[in-house]
PDB file of N, CA and C in Angstrom:
ATOM      1  N   UNK A   1      79.298 184.440  26.066  1.00  0.00           N
ATOM      2  CA  UNK A   1      78.321 185.215  26.796  1.00  0.00           C
ATOM      3  C   UNK A   1      76.902 184.931  26.300  1.00  0.00           C
ATOM      4  N   UNK A   2      76.670 184.907  24.994  1.00  0.00           N
ATOM      5  CA  UNK A   2      75.326 184.726  24.439  1.00  0.00           C
ATOM      6  C   UNK A   2      75.226 183.412  23.676  1.00  0.00           C
ATOM      7  N   UNK A   3      75.656 182.336  24.262  1.00  0.00           N
ATOM      8  CA  UNK A   3      75.719 181.051  23.564  1.00  0.00           C
ATOM      9  C   UNK A   3      74.356 180.468  23.233  1.00  0.00           C
ATOM     10  N   UNK A   4      73.330 180.793  24.007  1.00  0.00           N
ATOM     11  CA  UNK A   4      72.043 180.123  23.870  1.00  0.00           C
ATOM     12  C   UNK A   4      71.008 180.917  23.094  1.00  0.00           C
ATOM     13  N   UNK A   5      71.411 181.999  22.432  1.00  0.00           N
ATOM     14  CA  UNK A   5      70.450 182.765  21.646  1.00  0.00           C
ATOM     15  C   UNK A   5      70.137 182.051  20.340  1.00  0.00           C
ATOM     16  N   UNK A   6      68.876 182.084  19.917  1.00  0.00           N
ATOM     17  CA  UNK A   6      68.540 181.515  18.607  1.00  0.00           C
ATOM     18  C   UNK A   6      69.070 182.421  17.495  1.00  0.00           C
ATOM     19  N   UNK A   7      69.085 181.903  16.278  1.00  0.00           N
ATOM     20  CA  UNK A   7      69.555 182.698  15.148  1.00  0.00           C
ATOM     21  C   UNK A   7      68.589 183.855  14.902  1.00  0.00           C
ATOM     22  N   UNK A   8      69.152 185.031  14.729  1.00  0.00           N
ATOM     23  CA  UNK A   8      68.351 186.224  14.475  1.00  0.00           C
ATOM     24  C   UNK A   8      69.203 187.207  13.699  1.00  0.00           C
ATOM     25  N   UNK A   9      68.557 188.131  12.997  1.00  0.00           N
ATOM     26  CA  UNK A   9      69.347 189.136  12.296  1.00  0.00           C
ATOM     27  C   UNK A   9      69.359 190.460  13.045  1.00  0.00           C
ATOM     28  N   UNK A  10      68.350 190.705  13.900  1.00  0.00           N
ATOM     29  CA  UNK A  10      68.294 191.914  14.717  1.00  0.00           C
ATOM     30  C   UNK A  10      67.954 191.543  16.152  1.00  0.00           C
ATOM     31  N   UNK A  11      68.431 192.365  17.097  1.00  0.00           N
ATOM     32  CA  UNK A  11      68.052 192.202  18.491  1.00  0.00           C
ATOM     33  C   UNK A  11      67.545 193.545  18.986  1.00  0.00           C
ATOM     34  N   UNK A  12      66.292 193.573  19.414  1.00  0.00           N
ATOM     35  CA  UNK A  12      65.702 194.789  19.968  1.00  0.00           C
ATOM     36  C   UNK A  12      65.864 194.750  21.471  1.00  0.00           C
ATOM     37  N   UNK A  13      66.505 195.757  22.017  1.00  0.00           N
ATOM     38  CA  UNK A  13      66.709 195.800  23.457  1.00  0.00           C
ATOM     39  C   UNK A  13      66.544 197.209  23.981  1.00  0.00           C
ATOM     40  N   UNK A  14      66.249 197.335  25.266  1.00  0.00           N
ATOM     41  CA  UNK A  14      66.126 198.671  25.835  1.00  0.00           C
ATOM     42  C   UNK A  14      67.497 199.168  26.286  1.00  0.00           C
ATOM     43  N   UNK A  15      67.514 200.336  26.907  1.00  0.00           N
ATOM     44  CA  UNK A  15      68.778 200.966  27.287  1.00  0.00           C
ATOM     45  C   UNK A  15      69.576 200.155  28.292  1.00  0.00           C
ATOM     46  N   UNK A  16      68.925 199.233  28.983  1.00  0.00           N
ATOM     47  CA  UNK A  16      69.629 198.389  29.946  1.00  0.00           C
ATOM     48  C   UNK A  16      70.650 197.466  29.309  1.00  0.00           C
ATOM     49  N   UNK A  17      70.510 197.216  28.019  1.00  0.00           N
ATOM     50  CA  UNK A  17      71.437 196.336  27.299  1.00  0.00           C
ATOM     51  C   UNK A  17      72.527 197.114  26.573  1.00  0.00           C
ATOM     52  N   UNK A  18      72.641 198.389  26.841  1.00  0.00           N
ATOM     53  CA  UNK A  18      73.635 199.231  26.174  1.00  0.00           C
ATOM     54  C   UNK A  18      75.000 199.068  26.825  1.00  0.00           C
ATOM     55  N   UNK A  19      75.780 198.142  26.289  1.00  0.00           N
ATOM     56  CA  UNK A  19      77.170 198.002  26.712  1.00  0.00           C
ATOM     57  C   UNK A  19      77.994 197.609  25.493  1.00  0.00           C
ATOM     58  N   UNK A  20      79.217 198.073  25.469  1.00  0.00           N
ATOM     59  CA  UNK A  20      80.083 197.792  24.325  1.00  0.00           C
ATOM     60  C   UNK A  20      80.326 196.297  24.170  1.00  0.00           C
ATOM     61  N   UNK A  21      80.506 195.607  25.281  1.00  0.00           N
ATOM     62  CA  UNK A  21      80.774 194.168  25.237  1.00  0.00           C
ATOM     63  C   UNK A  21      79.588 193.384  24.659  1.00  0.00           C
ATOM     64  N   UNK A  22      78.383 193.743  25.089  1.00  0.00           N
ATOM     65  CA  UNK A  22      77.184 193.071  24.602  1.00  0.00           C
ATOM     66  C   UNK A  22      76.992 193.336  23.110  1.00  0.00           C
ATOM     67  N   UNK A  23      77.145 194.593  22.713  1.00  0.00           N
ATOM     68  CA  UNK A  23      77.014 194.941  21.296  1.00  0.00           C
ATOM     69  C   UNK A  23      78.046 194.206  20.439  1.00  0.00           C
ATOM     70  N   UNK A  24      79.280 194.164  20.899  1.00  0.00           N
ATOM     71  CA  UNK A  24      80.345 193.506  20.143  1.00  0.00           C
ATOM     72  C   UNK A  24      80.069 192.017  19.992  1.00  0.00           C
ATOM     73  N   UNK A  25      79.593 191.382  21.034  1.00  0.00           N
ATOM     74  CA  UNK A  25      79.282 189.956  20.976  1.00  0.00           C
ATOM     75  C   UNK A  25      78.158 189.694  19.977  1.00  0.00           C
ATOM     76  N   UNK A  26      77.161 190.571  19.943  1.00  0.00           N
ATOM     77  CA  UNK A  26      76.079 190.428  18.964  1.00  0.00           C
ATOM     78  C   UNK A  26      76.602 190.564  17.534  1.00  0.00           C
ATOM     79  N   UNK A  27      77.429 191.562  17.311  1.00  0.00           N
ATOM     80  CA  UNK A  27      77.970 191.800  15.968  1.00  0.00           C
ATOM     81  C   UNK A  27      78.823 190.622  15.514  1.00  0.00           C
ATOM     82  N   UNK A  28      79.610 190.037  16.415  1.00  0.00           N
ATOM     83  CA  UNK A  28      80.426 188.869  16.069  1.00  0.00           C
ATOM     84  C   UNK A  28      79.564 187.680  15.648  1.00  0.00           C
ATOM     85  N   UNK A  29      78.364 187.604  16.166  1.00  0.00           N
ATOM     86  CA  UNK A  29      77.437 186.512  15.824  1.00  0.00           C
ATOM     87  C   UNK A  29      76.558 186.850  14.623  1.00  0.00           C
ATOM     88  N   UNK A  30      76.760 188.013  14.025  1.00  0.00           N
ATOM     89  CA  UNK A  30      75.995 188.402  12.857  1.00  0.00           C
ATOM     90  C   UNK A  30      74.625 188.967  13.180  1.00  0.00           C
ATOM     91  N   UNK A  31      74.451 189.450  14.397  1.00  0.00           N
ATOM     92  CA  UNK A  31      73.178 190.018  14.834  1.00  0.00           C
ATOM     93  C   UNK A  31      73.347 191.526  14.962  1.00  0.00           C
ATOM     94  N   UNK A  32      72.450 192.264  14.327  1.00  0.00           N
ATOM     95  CA  UNK A  32      72.501 193.723  14.374  1.00  0.00           C
ATOM     96  C   UNK A  32      71.795 194.222  15.636  1.00  0.00           C
ATOM     97  N   UNK A  33      72.507 194.891  16.558  1.00  0.00           N
ATOM     98  CA  UNK A  33      71.848 195.399  17.761  1.00  0.00           C
ATOM     99  C   UNK A  33      71.016 196.648  17.458  1.00  0.00           C
ATOM    100  N   UNK A  34      69.805 196.686  17.951  1.00  0.00           N
ATOM    101  CA  UNK A  34      68.933 197.861  17.846  1.00  0.00           C
ATOM    102  C   UNK A  34      68.638 198.292  19.281  1.00  0.00           C
ATOM    103  N   UNK A  35      69.613 198.978  19.868  1.00  0.00           N
ATOM    104  CA  UNK A  35      69.567 199.346  21.284  1.00  0.00           C
ATOM    105  C   UNK A  35      69.884 200.836  21.395  1.00  0.00           C
ATOM    106  N   UNK A  36      68.981 201.631  21.962  1.00  0.00           N
ATOM    107  CA  UNK A  36      69.307 203.047  22.147  1.00  0.00           C
ATOM    108  C   UNK A  36      70.403 203.213  23.196  1.00  0.00           C
ATOM    109  N   UNK A  37      71.160 204.280  23.056  1.00  0.00           N
ATOM    110  CA  UNK A  37      72.259 204.546  23.987  1.00  0.00           C
ATOM    111  C   UNK A  37      71.733 205.124  25.296  1.00  0.00           C
ATOM    112  N   UNK A  38      72.442 204.818  26.383  1.00  0.00           N
ATOM    113  CA  UNK A  38      72.110 205.421  27.676  1.00  0.00           C
ATOM    114  C   UNK A  38      72.463 206.899  27.636  1.00  0.00           C
ATOM    115  N   UNK A  39      71.878 207.647  28.548  1.00  0.00           N
ATOM    116  CA  UNK A  39      72.146 209.089  28.594  1.00  0.00           C
ATOM    117  C   UNK A  39      73.594 209.409  28.937  1.00  0.00           C
ATOM    118  N   UNK A  40      74.219 208.561  29.733  1.00  0.00           N
ATOM    119  CA  UNK A  40      75.584 208.860  30.178  1.00  0.00           C
ATOM    120  C   UNK A  40      76.651 208.434  29.168  1.00  0.00           C
ATOM    121  N   UNK A  41      76.263 207.883  28.031  1.00  0.00           N
ATOM    122  CA  UNK A  41      77.235 207.513  26.993  1.00  0.00           C
ATOM    123  C   UNK A  41      77.735 208.791  26.322  1.00  0.00           C
ATOM    124  N   UNK A  42      79.043 208.962  26.269  1.00  0.00           N
ATOM    125  CA  UNK A  42      79.624 210.181  25.717  1.00  0.00           C
ATOM    126  C   UNK A  42      79.382 210.299  24.214  1.00  0.00           C
ATOM    127  N   UNK A  43      79.496 209.204  23.493  1.00  0.00           N
ATOM    128  CA  UNK A  43      79.277 209.191  22.045  1.00  0.00           C
ATOM    129  C   UNK A  43      78.090 208.276  21.758  1.00  0.00           C
ATOM    130  N   UNK A  44      76.877 208.843  21.543  1.00  0.00           N
ATOM    131  CA  UNK A  44      75.702 207.998  21.281  1.00  0.00           C
ATOM    132  C   UNK A  44      75.887 207.129  20.035  1.00  0.00           C
ATOM    133  N   UNK A  45      75.404 205.901  20.105  1.00  0.00           N
ATOM    134  CA  UNK A  45      75.492 204.964  18.990  1.00  0.00           C
ATOM    135  C   UNK A  45      74.157 204.991  18.245  1.00  0.00           C
ATOM    136  N   UNK A  46      74.182 205.201  16.927  1.00  0.00           N
ATOM    137  CA  UNK A  46      72.916 205.250  16.177  1.00  0.00           C
ATOM    138  C   UNK A  46      72.226 203.883  16.137  1.00  0.00           C
ATOM    139  N   UNK A  47      70.890 203.902  16.035  1.00  0.00           N
ATOM    140  CA  UNK A  47      70.098 202.681  15.952  1.00  0.00           C
ATOM    141  C   UNK A  47      68.889 202.959  15.063  1.00  0.00           C
ATOM    142  N   UNK A  48      68.254 201.919  14.579  1.00  0.00           N
ATOM    143  CA  UNK A  48      67.097 202.033  13.692  1.00  0.00           C
ATOM    144  C   UNK A  48      65.856 202.345  14.534  1.00  0.00           C
ATOM    145  N   UNK A  49      65.420 203.604  14.519  1.00  0.00           N
ATOM    146  CA  UNK A  49      64.297 204.025  15.356  1.00  0.00           C
ATOM    147  C   UNK A  49      62.979 203.409  14.896  1.00  0.00           C
ATOM    148  N   UNK A  50      62.809 203.219  13.595  1.00  0.00           N
ATOM    149  CA  UNK A  50      61.570 202.606  13.083  1.00  0.00           C
ATOM    150  C   UNK A  50      61.454 201.159  13.566  1.00  0.00           C
ATOM    151  N   UNK A  51      62.559 200.424  13.547  1.00  0.00           N
ATOM    152  CA  UNK A  51      62.555 199.046  14.031  1.00  0.00           C
ATOM    153  C   UNK A  51      62.333 199.008  15.544  1.00  0.00           C
ATOM    154  N   UNK A  52      62.940 199.938  16.267  1.00  0.00           N
ATOM    155  CA  UNK A  52      62.806 199.967  17.722  1.00  0.00           C
ATOM    156  C   UNK A  52      61.363 200.235  18.150  1.00  0.00           C
ATOM    157  N   UNK A  53      60.614 201.004  17.352  1.00  0.00           N
ATOM    158  CA  UNK A  53      59.217 201.279  17.671  1.00  0.00           C
ATOM    159  C   UNK A  53      58.373 200.012  17.668  1.00  0.00           C
ATOM    160  N   UNK A  54      58.808 198.982  16.951  1.00  0.00           N
ATOM    161  CA  UNK A  54      58.071 197.725  16.909  1.00  0.00           C
ATOM    162  C   UNK A  54      58.228 196.921  18.197  1.00  0.00           C
ATOM    163  N   UNK A  55      59.121 197.343  19.077  1.00  0.00           N
ATOM    164  CA  UNK A  55      59.392 196.632  20.320  1.00  0.00           C
ATOM    165  C   UNK A  55      58.168 196.568  21.230  1.00  0.00           C
ATOM    166  N   UNK A  56      57.263 197.539  21.113  1.00  0.00           N
ATOM    167  CA  UNK A  56      56.081 197.542  21.967  1.00  0.00           C
ATOM    168  C   UNK A  56      55.222 196.299  21.745  1.00  0.00           C
ATOM    169  N   UNK A  57      55.255 195.734  20.552  1.00  0.00           N
ATOM    170  CA  UNK A  57      54.489 194.517  20.291  1.00  0.00           C
ATOM    171  C   UNK A  57      55.001 193.354  21.143  1.00  0.00           C
ATOM    172  N   UNK A  58      56.287 193.276  21.276  1.00  0.00           N
ATOM    173  CA  UNK A  58      56.887 192.219  22.092  1.00  0.00           C
ATOM    174  C   UNK A  58      56.518 192.427  23.562  1.00  0.00           C
ATOM    175  N   UNK A  59      56.627 193.675  24.024  1.00  0.00           N
ATOM    176  CA  UNK A  59      56.290 193.983  25.412  1.00  0.00           C
ATOM    177  C   UNK A  59      54.817 193.685  25.702  1.00  0.00           C
ATOM    178  N   UNK A  60      53.934 194.018  24.754  1.00  0.00           N
ATOM    179  CA  UNK A  60      52.508 193.740  24.941  1.00  0.00           C
ATOM    180  C   UNK A  60      52.250 192.243  25.022  1.00  0.00           C
ATOM    181  N   UNK A  61      52.942 191.463  24.195  1.00  0.00           N
ATOM    182  CA  UNK A  61      52.766 190.009  24.213  1.00  0.00           C
ATOM    183  C   UNK A  61      53.173 189.431  25.572  1.00  0.00           C
ATOM    184  N   UNK A  62      54.292 189.869  26.110  1.00  0.00           N
ATOM    185  CA  UNK A  62      54.716 189.383  27.424  1.00  0.00           C
ATOM    186  C   UNK A  62      53.722 189.798  28.502  1.00  0.00           C
ATOM    187  N   UNK A  63      53.197 191.011  28.398  1.00  0.00           N
ATOM    188  CA  UNK A  63      52.201 191.462  29.366  1.00  0.00           C
ATOM    189  C   UNK A  63      50.944 190.605  29.338  1.00  0.00           C
ATOM    190  N   UNK A  64      50.496 190.228  28.146  1.00  0.00           N
ATOM    191  CA  UNK A  64      49.293 189.398  28.031  1.00  0.00           C
ATOM    192  C   UNK A  64      49.548 187.983  28.532  1.00  0.00           C
ATOM    193  N   UNK A  65      50.728 187.456  28.276  1.00  0.00           N
ATOM    194  CA  UNK A  65      51.043 186.113  28.761  1.00  0.00           C
ATOM    195  C   UNK A  65      51.118 186.109  30.291  1.00  0.00           C
ATOM    196  N   UNK A  66      51.616 187.190  30.874  1.00  0.00           N
ATOM    197  CA  UNK A  66      51.715 187.257  32.336  1.00  0.00           C
ATOM    198  C   UNK A  66      50.365 187.408  33.020  1.00  0.00           C
ATOM    199  N   UNK A  67      49.306 187.639  32.244  1.00  0.00           N
ATOM    200  CA  UNK A  67      47.964 187.628  32.821  1.00  0.00           C
ATOM    201  C   UNK A  67      47.597 186.225  33.296  1.00  0.00           C
ATOM    202  N   UNK A  68      48.252 185.232  32.756  1.00  0.00           N
ATOM    203  CA  UNK A  68      48.038 183.854  33.192  1.00  0.00           C
ATOM    204  C   UNK A  68      48.813 183.665  34.492  1.00  0.00           C
ATOM    205  N   UNK A  69      48.117 183.424  35.560  1.00  0.00           N
ATOM    206  CA  UNK A  69      48.740 183.328  36.875  1.00  0.00           C
ATOM    207  C   UNK A  69      49.812 182.255  36.929  1.00  0.00           C
ATOM    208  N   UNK A  70      49.560 181.130  36.294  1.00  0.00           N
ATOM    209  CA  UNK A  70      50.522 180.032  36.306  1.00  0.00           C
ATOM    210  C   UNK A  70      51.869 180.471  35.735  1.00  0.00           C
ATOM    211  N   UNK A  71      51.831 181.283  34.683  1.00  0.00           N
ATOM    212  CA  UNK A  71      53.071 181.751  34.059  1.00  0.00           C
ATOM    213  C   UNK A  71      53.695 182.854  34.900  1.00  0.00           C
ATOM    214  N   UNK A  72      52.893 183.814  35.350  1.00  0.00           N
ATOM    215  CA  UNK A  72      53.416 184.953  36.103  1.00  0.00           C
ATOM    216  C   UNK A  72      54.081 184.516  37.412  1.00  0.00           C
ATOM    217  N   UNK A  73      53.495 183.524  38.098  1.00  0.00           N
ATOM    218  CA  UNK A  73      54.026 183.068  39.382  1.00  0.00           C
ATOM    219  C   UNK A  73      55.035 181.930  39.239  1.00  0.00           C
ATOM    220  N   UNK A  74      55.219 181.435  38.035  1.00  0.00           N
ATOM    221  CA  UNK A  74      56.171 180.349  37.748  1.00  0.00           C
ATOM    222  C   UNK A  74      55.943 179.141  38.657  1.00  0.00           C
ATOM    223  N   UNK A  75      54.712 178.650  38.627  1.00  0.00           N
ATOM    224  CA  UNK A  75      54.363 177.495  39.450  1.00  0.00           C
ATOM    225  C   UNK A  75      55.132 176.231  39.051  1.00  0.00           C
ATOM    226  N   UNK A  76      55.489 176.113  37.794  1.00  0.00           N
ATOM    227  CA  UNK A  76      56.172 174.913  37.326  1.00  0.00           C
ATOM    228  C   UNK A  76      57.640 174.955  37.733  1.00  0.00           C
ATOM    229  N   UNK A  77      58.105 173.882  38.318  1.00  0.00           N
ATOM    230  CA  UNK A  77      59.516 173.818  38.726  1.00  0.00           C
ATOM    231  C   UNK A  77      60.414 173.439  37.565  1.00  0.00           C
ATOM    232  N   UNK A  78      59.897 172.634  36.692  1.00  0.00           N
ATOM    233  CA  UNK A  78      60.669 172.148  35.552  1.00  0.00           C
ATOM    234  C   UNK A  78      60.589 173.163  34.403  1.00  0.00           C
ATOM    235  N   UNK A  79      61.727 173.465  33.800  1.00  0.00           N
ATOM    236  CA  UNK A  79      61.763 174.422  32.695  1.00  0.00           C
ATOM    237  C   UNK A  79      60.914 173.947  31.526  1.00  0.00           C
ATOM    238  N   UNK A  80      60.885 172.636  31.307  1.00  0.00           N
ATOM    239  CA  UNK A  80      60.099 172.073  30.209  1.00  0.00           C
ATOM    240  C   UNK A  80      58.604 172.332  30.430  1.00  0.00           C
ATOM    241  N   UNK A  81      58.127 172.135  31.635  1.00  0.00           N
ATOM    242  CA  UNK A  81      56.720 172.366  31.941  1.00  0.00           C
ATOM    243  C   UNK A  81      56.388 173.860  31.891  1.00  0.00           C
ATOM    244  N   UNK A  82      57.306 174.698  32.337  1.00  0.00           N
ATOM    245  CA  UNK A  82      57.099 176.143  32.288  1.00  0.00           C
ATOM    246  C   UNK A  82      56.996 176.623  30.852  1.00  0.00           C
ATOM    247  N   UNK A  83      57.896 176.124  29.994  1.00  0.00           N
ATOM    248  CA  UNK A  83      57.852 176.500  28.581  1.00  0.00           C
ATOM    249  C   UNK A  83      56.562 176.011  27.936  1.00  0.00           C
ATOM    250  N   UNK A  84      56.094 174.842  28.324  1.00  0.00           N
ATOM    251  CA  UNK A  84      54.834 174.322  27.797  1.00  0.00           C
ATOM    252  C   UNK A  84      53.668 175.233  28.193  1.00  0.00           C
ATOM    253  N   UNK A  85      53.674 175.729  29.422  1.00  0.00           N
ATOM    254  CA  UNK A  85      52.618 176.647  29.867  1.00  0.00           C
ATOM    255  C   UNK A  85      52.665 177.947  29.073  1.00  0.00           C
ATOM    256  N   UNK A  86      53.852 178.435  28.789  1.00  0.00           N
ATOM    257  CA  UNK A  86      53.996 179.654  27.980  1.00  0.00           C
ATOM    258  C   UNK A  86      53.455 179.416  26.573  1.00  0.00           C
ATOM    259  N   UNK A  87      53.787 178.280  25.985  1.00  0.00           N
ATOM    260  CA  UNK A  87      53.296 177.957  24.635  1.00  0.00           C
ATOM    261  C   UNK A  87      51.782 177.838  24.614  1.00  0.00           C
ATOM    262  N   UNK A  88      51.220 177.217  25.624  1.00  0.00           N
ATOM    263  CA  UNK A  88      49.771 177.084  25.710  1.00  0.00           C
ATOM    264  C   UNK A  88      49.106 178.452  25.837  1.00  0.00           C
ATOM    265  N   UNK A  89      49.648 179.309  26.706  1.00  0.00           N
ATOM    266  CA  UNK A  89      49.097 180.649  26.882  1.00  0.00           C
ATOM    267  C   UNK A  89      49.181 181.450  25.589  1.00  0.00           C
ATOM    268  N   UNK A  90      50.322 181.393  24.913  1.00  0.00           N
ATOM    269  CA  UNK A  90      50.485 182.131  23.658  1.00  0.00           C
ATOM    270  C   UNK A  90      49.531 181.628  22.589  1.00  0.00           C
ATOM    271  N   UNK A  91      49.326 180.319  22.527  1.00  0.00           N
ATOM    272  CA  UNK A  91      48.410 179.740  21.550  1.00  0.00           C
ATOM    273  C   UNK A  91      46.979 180.195  21.803  1.00  0.00           C
ATOM    274  N   UNK A  92      46.542 180.138  23.043  1.00  0.00           N
ATOM    275  CA  UNK A  92      45.178 180.548  23.379  1.00  0.00           C
ATOM    276  C   UNK A  92      44.989 182.031  23.125  1.00  0.00           C
ATOM    277  N   UNK A  93      45.968 182.863  23.500  1.00  0.00           N
ATOM    278  CA  UNK A  93      45.863 184.296  23.265  1.00  0.00           C
ATOM    279  C   UNK A  93      45.812 184.618  21.779  1.00  0.00           C
ATOM    280  N   UNK A  94      46.603 183.911  20.974  1.00  0.00           N
ATOM    281  CA  UNK A  94      46.577 184.102  19.527  1.00  0.00           C
ATOM    282  C   UNK A  94      45.217 183.688  18.972  1.00  0.00           C
ATOM    283  N   UNK A  95      44.702 182.566  19.442  1.00  0.00           N
ATOM    284  CA  UNK A  95      43.419 182.057  18.963  1.00  0.00           C
ATOM    285  C   UNK A  95      42.283 183.021  19.325  1.00  0.00           C
ATOM    286  N   UNK A  96      42.330 183.581  20.532  1.00  0.00           N
ATOM    287  CA  UNK A  96      41.291 184.519  20.967  1.00  0.00           C
ATOM    288  C   UNK A  96      41.352 185.803  20.139  1.00  0.00           C
ATOM    289  N   UNK A  97      42.560 186.290  19.868  1.00  0.00           N
ATOM    290  CA  UNK A  97      42.686 187.552  19.120  1.00  0.00           C
ATOM    291  C   UNK A  97      42.287 187.389  17.658  1.00  0.00           C
ATOM    292  N   UNK A  98      42.357 186.167  17.120  1.00  0.00           N
ATOM    293  CA  UNK A  98      41.983 185.922  15.728  1.00  0.00           C
ATOM    294  C   UNK A  98      40.484 185.806  15.556  1.00  0.00           C
ATOM    295  N   UNK A  99      39.734 185.460  16.623  1.00  0.00           N
ATOM    296  CA  UNK A  99      38.289 185.279  16.462  1.00  0.00           C
ATOM    297  C   UNK A  99      37.511 186.530  16.723  1.00  0.00           C
TER     298      UNK A  99
END
């Protein structure tokens, strides 16, 4: 199911990723899931709330990258060119925030 994920020790996800199968697959790969439980889960699963609060940084980064029209509209047909545009946008945004 998750064959193409890079090596990581934690995975921060929102409630949409709350499934037993997904969590089990992460644990088998040595990745600790940090996913809050959905409201309809009968037995809530505990998660690291301090780590989950850091998720907003990731969301903000994606929001800033999507300000680039080329990335938001996915003008590039080739995955390689699309990834290059994302890298360029992230580099420029990092450079601007550092100055």
